[in-house]
Amino acid sequence: MDRITYHEQTDMENVLKLREVLRTLPEFSRDYFRAIDSTTTTKTRISYAYDIRIFFQFLVNENPLFKDKKITDLTIDVLDQVQALGIEEFMEYLKVYKDSQDSYITNGETGLKRKISTLRSFYNYYFKHEMIKTNPPALITMPKLHEKAIIRLDTDEVAMLLDYVEHAGDQLSGQKKAYYEKTKTRDLALITLLLGTGIRVSECVGLDVEDLDFKNDAVKVTRKGGNEMFVYFGEEVEKALLDYLEVRESITPIAGHEHALFYSIQRKRMGVQAVENLVKKYAQHITSTKKITPHKLRSTYGTALYRETGDIYLVADVLGHKDVNTTRKHYASVGDEQRRKAASALRLREEPPKQN
């Protein structure tokens, strides 16, 4: 039997999960999800399903027209009964509302825009297929996103982080030191790989040991959308990985996790949350002003690569960006170094001439 990869297993689990979510939506919704099946990932479709379910929950909880109705009983004509004003009310509702556990849920600019974009896509499908007569989400103004500063590690901070991972045990004792010594080689390999290749955390945890190619100093990753690509690495990454593989040989994995590259302390494939916690644990000792995540390590790599090459298309290709404008937005803008130079370039008052 052929080996089932992490991404194939994840897709199967997501398909089953999506079916469960669709059972909580109106029956006509399934036409939309069948239509987008070939152009979206399973993870994206689950996110869309949750977003659309929030919209229907809003209708039955807040709109008098649909009071006391069950979401699963709603028919397609409900979409024509919602006006543009109702969509604007939904946008306001999304800023803060209570979920089924009576907990408050909030959405910032990004979350708000994503949910309205999902609703637009949902309405567009039925409108284009002439199954509804109106398209109110198309009439409203989309929420505006304000640009945020790109957070990344400076060159000296990268060196400090790797040094700390190697020598953090010097400051520990007892059980903490024993745990550190047990995971040090793995942690150094993982963080070095992220910093040295710029791969996403989801791509990292999905790696199998068979994906490593030391003959060509490359690792095969599965990008967003399922495309496979070889990403190349340098000597530092190679050494860190080889050191870890020696340690990995002594680990007896839990059944079903034999091929995973990075093992957790429970001898299972590491998950995204575990890697995020690991990066945070080490990075907080290096900088207190920057919230460093695996994605920020990716930004650090992209920035360094662009600084060295000046080739935005190369950076886009290596990072797996489908649209080079995404890369240009994050890595080709004026950086902090240029801003520092600008700050010292302008003199407000001329120095008086020196007296002989």
Foldseek 3Di string as FASTA:
>chain_A
DDDQFPLNVVQVVLVVVLVVLVQQAAPVLVVLCVVCVLPAGSVVSSVLSVLVVLVLVCCQVPPPVNDPHGRNPDDPCVVQVAALVNVVVSLVCQQWDADPVRDIDGDDLVRSQVSLVSLQSSQVVCVVVVVYPDRNSVVDDGRDDDDDAQFADDPVLLVVLLVCLQPVLVVDDDPVSVVSVLCSLVLSLLLCCLLFQLEALQQQLRFFPVQADPVQQWGWTQDHVGDIDITHGDDSNVVSLVVVVVSVVPQDADPPANGTSHADPNRHRDDSVNQQVSCQVRSCVRDVVGRDGSNNSSLHNLQVVCVVPVDLVVSCVSNVPPDSVVSCVRHVDDDPVNVVVVVPPDDPDDDDDDDD
